[in-house]
Amino acid sequence: MSFTALDWAVKQKVGNSTEKLILLCLANYSDDNNKSYPSHKTISKFAEVSNQTVIKCLTKLKNKNLLIIKPLSSSLKMFADL
């Protein structure tokens, strides 16, 4: 957990409570380089929302330039860069 990432996420104006919770989840799982690797399933359980909602919110957060989603090398898994 990166306290810097959590502090940053708390201060962001997201405009939607579910998106904010997912941003906080990503910050909670972030490392010292502000990279976060939780699965959609982990985020879904944390936020108590469906997998589909997680994907929609991640896309919206990306479109708001609040995170960068990059594929992990040679896999279908992704990580978020806060």
PDB file of N, CA and C in Angstrom:
ATOM      1  N   MET A   1       0.843  -1.169   0.000  1.00  0.00           N
ATOM      2  CA  MET A   1       0.000   0.000   0.000  1.00  0.00           C
ATOM      3  C   MET A   1       0.890   1.235   0.000  1.00  0.00           C
ATOM      4  N   SER A   2       0.533   2.176  -0.826  1.00  0.00           N
ATOM      5  CA  SER A   2       1.261   3.433  -0.902  1.00  0.00           C
ATOM      6  C   SER A   2       0.396   4.540  -0.302  1.00  0.00           C
ATOM      7  N   PHE A   3       0.888   5.115   0.790  1.00  0.00           N
ATOM      8  CA  PHE A   3       0.134   6.209   1.407  1.00  0.00           C
ATOM      9  C   PHE A   3       0.091   7.425   0.495  1.00  0.00           C
ATOM     10  N   THR A   4       1.114   7.586  -0.313  1.00  0.00           N
ATOM     11  CA  THR A   4       1.125   8.680  -1.279  1.00  0.00           C
ATOM     12  C   THR A   4       0.001   8.502  -2.294  1.00  0.00           C
ATOM     13  N   ALA A   5      -0.161   7.281  -2.798  1.00  0.00           N
ATOM     14  CA  ALA A   5      -1.227   7.005  -3.767  1.00  0.00           C
ATOM     15  C   ALA A   5      -2.598   7.172  -3.133  1.00  0.00           C
ATOM     16  N   LEU A   6      -2.756   6.692  -1.895  1.00  0.00           N
ATOM     17  CA  LEU A   6      -4.045   6.855  -1.209  1.00  0.00           C
ATOM     18  C   LEU A   6      -4.364   8.331  -0.995  1.00  0.00           C
ATOM     19  N   ASP A   7      -3.373   9.102  -0.572  1.00  0.00           N
ATOM     20  CA  ASP A   7      -3.577  10.538  -0.364  1.00  0.00           C
ATOM     21  C   ASP A   7      -3.975  11.213  -1.666  1.00  0.00           C
ATOM     22  N   TRP A   8      -3.282  10.834  -2.755  1.00  0.00           N
ATOM     23  CA  TRP A   8      -3.605  11.398  -4.064  1.00  0.00           C
ATOM     24  C   TRP A   8      -5.027  11.040  -4.473  1.00  0.00           C
ATOM     25  N   ALA A   9      -5.407   9.769  -4.316  1.00  0.00           N
ATOM     26  CA  ALA A   9      -6.732   9.299  -4.738  1.00  0.00           C
ATOM     27  C   ALA A   9      -7.851   9.993  -3.958  1.00  0.00           C
ATOM     28  N   VAL A  10      -7.649  10.194  -2.666  1.00  0.00           N
ATOM     29  CA  VAL A  10      -8.655  10.860  -1.837  1.00  0.00           C
ATOM     30  C   VAL A  10      -8.921  12.272  -2.341  1.00  0.00           C
ATOM     31  N   LYS A  11      -7.893  12.937  -2.817  1.00  0.00           N
ATOM     32  CA  LYS A  11      -8.011  14.337  -3.245  1.00  0.00           C
ATOM     33  C   LYS A  11      -8.601  14.512  -4.638  1.00  0.00           C
ATOM     34  N   GLN A  12      -8.745  13.428  -5.397  1.00  0.00           N
ATOM     35  CA  GLN A  12      -9.237  13.534  -6.774  1.00  0.00           C
ATOM     36  C   GLN A  12     -10.742  13.758  -6.818  1.00  0.00           C
ATOM     37  N   LYS A  13     -11.165  14.620  -7.710  1.00  0.00           N
ATOM     38  CA  LYS A  13     -12.595  14.843  -7.973  1.00  0.00           C
ATOM     39  C   LYS A  13     -12.970  13.931  -9.140  1.00  0.00           C
ATOM     40  N   VAL A  14     -13.678  12.871  -8.819  1.00  0.00           N
ATOM     41  CA  VAL A  14     -13.993  11.853  -9.813  1.00  0.00           C
ATOM     42  C   VAL A  14     -15.389  12.060 -10.396  1.00  0.00           C
ATOM     43  N   GLY A  15     -16.334  12.496  -9.568  1.00  0.00           N
ATOM     44  CA  GLY A  15     -17.687  12.757 -10.048  1.00  0.00           C
ATOM     45  C   GLY A  15     -18.640  11.588  -9.928  1.00  0.00           C
ATOM     46  N   ASN A  16     -18.152  10.450  -9.419  1.00  0.00           N
ATOM     47  CA  ASN A  16     -18.996   9.264  -9.291  1.00  0.00           C
ATOM     48  C   ASN A  16     -18.453   8.439  -8.126  1.00  0.00           C
ATOM     49  N   SER A  17     -19.325   8.069  -7.204  1.00  0.00           N
ATOM     50  CA  SER A  17     -18.874   7.383  -5.992  1.00  0.00           C
ATOM     51  C   SER A  17     -18.288   6.001  -6.269  1.00  0.00           C
ATOM     52  N   THR A  18     -18.834   5.280  -7.232  1.00  0.00           N
ATOM     53  CA  THR A  18     -18.299   3.950  -7.547  1.00  0.00           C
ATOM     54  C   THR A  18     -16.918   4.066  -8.170  1.00  0.00           C
ATOM     55  N   GLU A  19     -16.742   5.005  -9.072  1.00  0.00           N
ATOM     56  CA  GLU A  19     -15.435   5.225  -9.672  1.00  0.00           C
ATOM     57  C   GLU A  19     -14.417   5.647  -8.616  1.00  0.00           C
ATOM     58  N   LYS A  20     -14.846   6.485  -7.673  1.00  0.00           N
ATOM     59  CA  LYS A  20     -13.954   6.926  -6.602  1.00  0.00           C
ATOM     60  C   LYS A  20     -13.523   5.737  -5.753  1.00  0.00           C
ATOM     61  N   LEU A  21     -14.463   4.856  -5.421  1.00  0.00           N
ATOM     62  CA  LEU A  21     -14.145   3.689  -4.622  1.00  0.00           C
ATOM     63  C   LEU A  21     -13.156   2.780  -5.349  1.00  0.00           C
ATOM     64  N   ILE A  22     -13.338   2.626  -6.641  1.00  0.00           N
ATOM     65  CA  ILE A  22     -12.420   1.796  -7.420  1.00  0.00           C
ATOM     66  C   ILE A  22     -11.042   2.462  -7.507  1.00  0.00           C
ATOM     67  N   LEU A  23     -10.998   3.769  -7.637  1.00  0.00           N
ATOM     68  CA  LEU A  23      -9.727   4.487  -7.621  1.00  0.00           C
ATOM     69  C   LEU A  23      -9.029   4.292  -6.267  1.00  0.00           C
ATOM     70  N   LEU A  24      -9.790   4.364  -5.185  1.00  0.00           N
ATOM     71  CA  LEU A  24      -9.229   4.132  -3.852  1.00  0.00           C
ATOM     72  C   LEU A  24      -8.743   2.695  -3.703  1.00  0.00           C
ATOM     73  N   CYS A  25      -9.453   1.760  -4.285  1.00  0.00           N
ATOM     74  CA  CYS A  25      -9.026   0.364  -4.262  1.00  0.00           C
ATOM     75  C   CYS A  25      -7.688   0.211  -4.966  1.00  0.00           C
ATOM     76  N   LEU A  26      -7.560   0.800  -6.143  1.00  0.00           N
ATOM     77  CA  LEU A  26      -6.298   0.733  -6.874  1.00  0.00           C
ATOM     78  C   LEU A  26      -5.164   1.369  -6.071  1.00  0.00           C
ATOM     79  N   ALA A  27      -5.446   2.495  -5.423  1.00  0.00           N
ATOM     80  CA  ALA A  27      -4.437   3.145  -4.591  1.00  0.00           C
ATOM     81  C   ALA A  27      -4.062   2.261  -3.405  1.00  0.00           C
ATOM     82  N   ASN A  28      -5.050   1.597  -2.835  1.00  0.00           N
ATOM     83  CA  ASN A  28      -4.817   0.700  -1.703  1.00  0.00           C
ATOM     84  C   ASN A  28      -3.877  -0.443  -2.085  1.00  0.00           C
ATOM     85  N   TYR A  29      -3.984  -0.931  -3.303  1.00  0.00           N
ATOM     86  CA  TYR A  29      -3.153  -2.032  -3.773  1.00  0.00           C
ATOM     87  C   TYR A  29      -1.880  -1.576  -4.483  1.00  0.00           C
ATOM     88  N   SER A  30      -1.626  -0.280  -4.530  1.00  0.00           N
ATOM     89  CA  SER A  30      -0.474   0.209  -5.278  1.00  0.00           C
ATOM     90  C   SER A  30       0.836  -0.013  -4.518  1.00  0.00           C
ATOM     91  N   ASP A  31       1.911  -0.108  -5.289  1.00  0.00           N
ATOM     92  CA  ASP A  31       3.237  -0.274  -4.701  1.00  0.00           C
ATOM     93  C   ASP A  31       3.900   1.099  -4.549  1.00  0.00           C
ATOM     94  N   ASP A  32       5.159   1.104  -4.164  1.00  0.00           N
ATOM     95  CA  ASP A  32       5.873   2.361  -3.956  1.00  0.00           C
ATOM     96  C   ASP A  32       6.090   3.160  -5.238  1.00  0.00           C
ATOM     97  N   ASN A  33       5.891   2.513  -6.390  1.00  0.00           N
ATOM     98  CA  ASN A  33       6.002   3.199  -7.678  1.00  0.00           C
ATOM     99  C   ASN A  33       4.644   3.600  -8.227  1.00  0.00           C
ATOM    100  N   ASN A  34       3.620   3.515  -7.378  1.00  0.00           N
ATOM    101  CA  ASN A  34       2.236   3.857  -7.743  1.00  0.00           C
ATOM    102  C   ASN A  34       1.681   2.972  -8.851  1.00  0.00           C
ATOM    103  N   LYS A  35       2.140   1.744  -8.888  1.00  0.00           N
ATOM    104  CA  LYS A  35       1.603   0.754  -9.824  1.00  0.00           C
ATOM    105  C   LYS A  35       0.724  -0.199  -9.030  1.00  0.00           C
ATOM    106  N   SER A  36      -0.388  -0.591  -9.633  1.00  0.00           N
ATOM    107  CA  SER A  36      -1.377  -1.403  -8.936  1.00  0.00           C
ATOM    108  C   SER A  36      -1.757  -2.593  -9.811  1.00  0.00           C
ATOM    109  N   TYR A  37      -1.807  -3.779  -9.204  1.00  0.00           N
ATOM    110  CA  TYR A  37      -2.017  -4.999  -9.973  1.00  0.00           C
ATOM    111  C   TYR A  37      -3.211  -5.855  -9.526  1.00  0.00           C
ATOM    112  N   PRO A  38      -4.233  -5.324  -8.873  1.00  0.00           N
ATOM    113  CA  PRO A  38      -5.327  -6.210  -8.449  1.00  0.00           C
ATOM    114  C   PRO A  38      -6.138  -6.697  -9.654  1.00  0.00           C
ATOM    115  N   SER A  39      -6.660  -7.894  -9.535  1.00  0.00           N
ATOM    116  CA  SER A  39      -7.510  -8.432 -10.606  1.00  0.00           C
ATOM    117  C   SER A  39      -8.869  -7.740 -10.576  1.00  0.00           C
ATOM    118  N   HIS A  40      -9.601  -7.896 -11.653  1.00  0.00           N
ATOM    119  CA  HIS A  40     -10.972  -7.374 -11.679  1.00  0.00           C
ATOM    120  C   HIS A  40     -11.790  -8.004 -10.558  1.00  0.00           C
ATOM    121  N   LYS A  41     -11.542  -9.271 -10.299  1.00  0.00           N
ATOM    122  CA  LYS A  41     -12.263  -9.976  -9.236  1.00  0.00           C
ATOM    123  C   LYS A  41     -11.958  -9.359  -7.866  1.00  0.00           C
ATOM    124  N   THR A  42     -10.715  -9.035  -7.626  1.00  0.00           N
ATOM    125  CA  THR A  42     -10.328  -8.411  -6.358  1.00  0.00           C
ATOM    126  C   THR A  42     -10.980  -7.043  -6.207  1.00  0.00           C
ATOM    127  N   ILE A  43     -10.953  -6.255  -7.263  1.00  0.00           N
ATOM    128  CA  ILE A  43     -11.583  -4.925  -7.233  1.00  0.00           C
ATOM    129  C   ILE A  43     -13.081  -5.074  -7.024  1.00  0.00           C
ATOM    130  N   SER A  44     -13.679  -6.034  -7.705  1.00  0.00           N
ATOM    131  CA  SER A  44     -15.112  -6.291  -7.599  1.00  0.00           C
ATOM    132  C   SER A  44     -15.506  -6.616  -6.162  1.00  0.00           C
ATOM    133  N   LYS A  45     -14.728  -7.453  -5.507  1.00  0.00           N
ATOM    134  CA  LYS A  45     -15.017  -7.802  -4.111  1.00  0.00           C
ATOM    135  C   LYS A  45     -14.823  -6.601  -3.191  1.00  0.00           C
ATOM    136  N   PHE A  46     -13.760  -5.844  -3.410  1.00  0.00           N
ATOM    137  CA  PHE A  46     -13.461  -4.668  -2.591  1.00  0.00           C
ATOM    138  C   PHE A  46     -14.600  -3.649  -2.669  1.00  0.00           C
ATOM    139  N   ALA A  47     -15.053  -3.369  -3.884  1.00  0.00           N
ATOM    140  CA  ALA A  47     -16.069  -2.334  -4.114  1.00  0.00           C
ATOM    141  C   ALA A  47     -17.500  -2.857  -4.033  1.00  0.00           C
ATOM    142  N   GLU A  48     -17.634  -4.185  -3.950  1.00  0.00           N
ATOM    143  CA  GLU A  48     -18.956  -4.821  -3.909  1.00  0.00           C
ATOM    144  C   GLU A  48     -19.796  -4.451  -5.133  1.00  0.00           C
ATOM    145  N   VAL A  49     -19.154  -4.589  -6.290  1.00  0.00           N
ATOM    146  CA  VAL A  49     -19.820  -4.332  -7.566  1.00  0.00           C
ATOM    147  C   VAL A  49     -19.513  -5.485  -8.509  1.00  0.00           C
ATOM    148  N   SER A  50     -20.219  -5.535  -9.629  1.00  0.00           N
ATOM    149  CA  SER A  50     -19.995  -6.603 -10.604  1.00  0.00           C
ATOM    150  C   SER A  50     -18.696  -6.376 -11.371  1.00  0.00           C
ATOM    151  N   ASN A  51     -18.219  -7.440 -11.989  1.00  0.00           N
ATOM    152  CA  ASN A  51     -17.031  -7.367 -12.834  1.00  0.00           C
ATOM    153  C   ASN A  51     -17.251  -6.381 -13.980  1.00  0.00           C
ATOM    154  N   GLN A  52     -18.447  -6.387 -14.535  1.00  0.00           N
ATOM    155  CA  GLN A  52     -18.789  -5.482 -15.628  1.00  0.00           C
ATOM    156  C   GLN A  52     -18.683  -4.017 -15.177  1.00  0.00           C
ATOM    157  N   THR A  53     -19.138  -3.735 -13.954  1.00  0.00           N
ATOM    158  CA  THR A  53     -19.045  -2.377 -13.417  1.00  0.00           C
ATOM    159  C   THR A  53     -17.591  -1.971 -13.234  1.00  0.00           C
ATOM    160  N   VAL A  54     -16.769  -2.891 -12.770  1.00  0.00           N
ATOM    161  CA  VAL A  54     -15.331  -2.613 -12.606  1.00  0.00           C
ATOM    162  C   VAL A  54     -14.733  -2.205 -13.950  1.00  0.00           C
ATOM    163  N   ILE A  55     -15.007  -2.973 -14.975  1.00  0.00           N
ATOM    164  CA  ILE A  55     -14.448  -2.683 -16.303  1.00  0.00           C
ATOM    165  C   ILE A  55     -14.923  -1.321 -16.808  1.00  0.00           C
ATOM    166  N   LYS A  56     -16.200  -1.024 -16.650  1.00  0.00           N
ATOM    167  CA  LYS A  56     -16.731   0.281 -17.079  1.00  0.00           C
ATOM    168  C   LYS A  56     -16.062   1.421 -16.321  1.00  0.00           C
ATOM    169  N   CYS A  57     -15.924   1.259 -15.002  1.00  0.00           N
ATOM    170  CA  CYS A  57     -15.320   2.315 -14.187  1.00  0.00           C
ATOM    171  C   CYS A  57     -13.843   2.505 -14.513  1.00  0.00           C
ATOM    172  N   LEU A  58     -13.114   1.414 -14.731  1.00  0.00           N
ATOM    173  CA  LEU A  58     -11.707   1.535 -15.107  1.00  0.00           C
ATOM    174  C   LEU A  58     -11.563   2.299 -16.418  1.00  0.00           C
ATOM    175  N   THR A  59     -12.444   2.018 -17.359  1.00  0.00           N
ATOM    176  CA  THR A  59     -12.418   2.721 -18.643  1.00  0.00           C
ATOM    177  C   THR A  59     -12.701   4.206 -18.437  1.00  0.00           C
ATOM    178  N   LYS A  60     -13.687   4.517 -17.607  1.00  0.00           N
ATOM    179  CA  LYS A  60     -14.019   5.925 -17.349  1.00  0.00           C
ATOM    180  C   LYS A  60     -12.874   6.646 -16.646  1.00  0.00           C
ATOM    181  N   LEU A  61     -12.244   5.977 -15.671  1.00  0.00           N
ATOM    182  CA  LEU A  61     -11.109   6.583 -14.965  1.00  0.00           C
ATOM    183  C   LEU A  61      -9.941   6.815 -15.922  1.00  0.00           C
ATOM    184  N   LYS A  62      -9.738   5.880 -16.820  1.00  0.00           N
ATOM    185  CA  LYS A  62      -8.688   6.044 -17.831  1.00  0.00           C
ATOM    186  C   LYS A  62      -9.009   7.235 -18.732  1.00  0.00           C
ATOM    187  N   ASN A  63     -10.264   7.347 -19.170  1.00  0.00           N
ATOM    188  CA  ASN A  63     -10.672   8.446 -20.048  1.00  0.00           C
ATOM    189  C   ASN A  63     -10.590   9.802 -19.349  1.00  0.00           C
ATOM    190  N   LYS A  64     -10.667   9.811 -18.012  1.00  0.00           N
ATOM    191  CA  LYS A  64     -10.540  11.046 -17.234  1.00  0.00           C
ATOM    192  C   LYS A  64      -9.074  11.330 -16.881  1.00  0.00           C
ATOM    193  N   ASN A  65      -8.173  10.531 -17.438  1.00  0.00           N
ATOM    194  CA  ASN A  65      -6.729  10.666 -17.206  1.00  0.00           C
ATOM    195  C   ASN A  65      -6.349  10.525 -15.735  1.00  0.00           C
ATOM    196  N   LEU A  66      -7.090   9.699 -15.013  1.00  0.00           N
ATOM    197  CA  LEU A  66      -6.782   9.441 -13.614  1.00  0.00           C
ATOM    198  C   LEU A  66      -5.933   8.187 -13.435  1.00  0.00           C
ATOM    199  N   LEU A  67      -5.807   7.405 -14.484  1.00  0.00           N
ATOM    200  CA  LEU A  67      -4.919   6.249 -14.442  1.00  0.00           C
ATOM    201  C   LEU A  67      -4.556   5.851 -15.856  1.00  0.00           C
ATOM    202  N   ILE A  68      -3.506   5.083 -15.937  1.00  0.00           N
ATOM    203  CA  ILE A  68      -3.037   4.533 -17.209  1.00  0.00           C
ATOM    204  C   ILE A  68      -3.135   3.026 -17.085  1.00  0.00           C
ATOM    205  N   ILE A  69      -3.779   2.385 -18.038  1.00  0.00           N
ATOM    206  CA  ILE A  69      -3.902   0.933 -18.016  1.00  0.00           C
ATOM    207  C   ILE A  69      -2.949   0.370 -19.061  1.00  0.00           C
ATOM    208  N   LYS A  70      -2.054  -0.504 -18.595  1.00  0.00           N
ATOM    209  CA  LYS A  70      -1.073  -1.121 -19.489  1.00  0.00           C
ATOM    210  C   LYS A  70      -1.145  -2.630 -19.338  1.00  0.00           C
ATOM    211  N   PRO A  71      -0.996  -3.354 -20.441  1.00  0.00           N
ATOM    212  CA  PRO A  71      -0.966  -4.818 -20.327  1.00  0.00           C
ATOM    213  C   PRO A  71       0.341  -5.267 -19.684  1.00  0.00           C
ATOM    214  N   LEU A  72       0.253  -6.305 -18.883  1.00  0.00           N
ATOM    215  CA  LEU A  72       1.467  -6.910 -18.350  1.00  0.00           C
ATOM    216  C   LEU A  72       2.105  -7.730 -19.455  1.00  0.00           C
ATOM    217  N   SER A  73       3.383  -7.901 -19.420  1.00  0.00           N
ATOM    218  CA  SER A  73       4.100  -8.573 -20.501  1.00  0.00           C
ATOM    219  C   SER A  73       3.544  -9.952 -20.811  1.00  0.00           C
ATOM    220  N   SER A  74       3.245 -10.152 -22.052  1.00  0.00           N
ATOM    221  CA  SER A  74       2.783 -11.417 -22.633  1.00  0.00           C
ATOM    222  C   SER A  74       1.682 -12.113 -21.838  1.00  0.00           C
ATOM    223  N   SER A  75       0.748 -11.344 -21.309  1.00  0.00           N
ATOM    224  CA  SER A  75      -0.409 -11.958 -20.639  1.00  0.00           C
ATOM    225  C   SER A  75      -1.619 -11.071 -20.856  1.00  0.00           C
ATOM    226  N   LEU A  76      -2.746 -11.552 -20.460  1.00  0.00           N
ATOM    227  CA  LEU A  76      -3.965 -10.778 -20.585  1.00  0.00           C
ATOM    228  C   LEU A  76      -4.207  -9.900 -19.362  1.00  0.00           C
ATOM    229  N   LYS A  77      -3.356 -10.024 -18.345  1.00  0.00           N
ATOM    230  CA  LYS A  77      -3.527  -9.233 -17.137  1.00  0.00           C
ATOM    231  C   LYS A  77      -3.082  -7.795 -17.387  1.00  0.00           C
ATOM    232  N   MET A  78      -3.665  -6.885 -16.628  1.00  0.00           N
ATOM    233  CA  MET A  78      -3.359  -5.467 -16.770  1.00  0.00           C
ATOM    234  C   MET A  78      -2.920  -4.908 -15.429  1.00  0.00           C
ATOM    235  N   PHE A  79      -2.277  -3.752 -15.449  1.00  0.00           N
ATOM    236  CA  PHE A  79      -2.011  -3.037 -14.220  1.00  0.00           C
ATOM    237  C   PHE A  79      -2.380  -1.585 -14.434  1.00  0.00           C
ATOM    238  N   ALA A  80      -2.621  -0.901 -13.345  1.00  0.00           N
ATOM    239  CA  ALA A  80      -2.961   0.504 -13.411  1.00  0.00           C
ATOM    240  C   ALA A  80      -1.802   1.316 -12.852  1.00  0.00           C
ATOM    241  N   ASP A  81      -1.461   2.380 -13.523  1.00  0.00           N
ATOM    242  CA  ASP A  81      -0.426   3.287 -13.098  1.00  0.00           C
ATOM    243  C   ASP A  81      -1.120   4.555 -12.648  1.00  0.00           C
ATOM    244  N   LEU A  82      -1.065   4.825 -11.343  1.00  0.00           N
ATOM    245  CA  LEU A  82      -1.767   5.996 -10.788  1.00  0.00           C
ATOM    246  C   LEU A  82      -0.922   7.242 -10.899  1.00  0.00           C
TER     247      LEU A  82
END
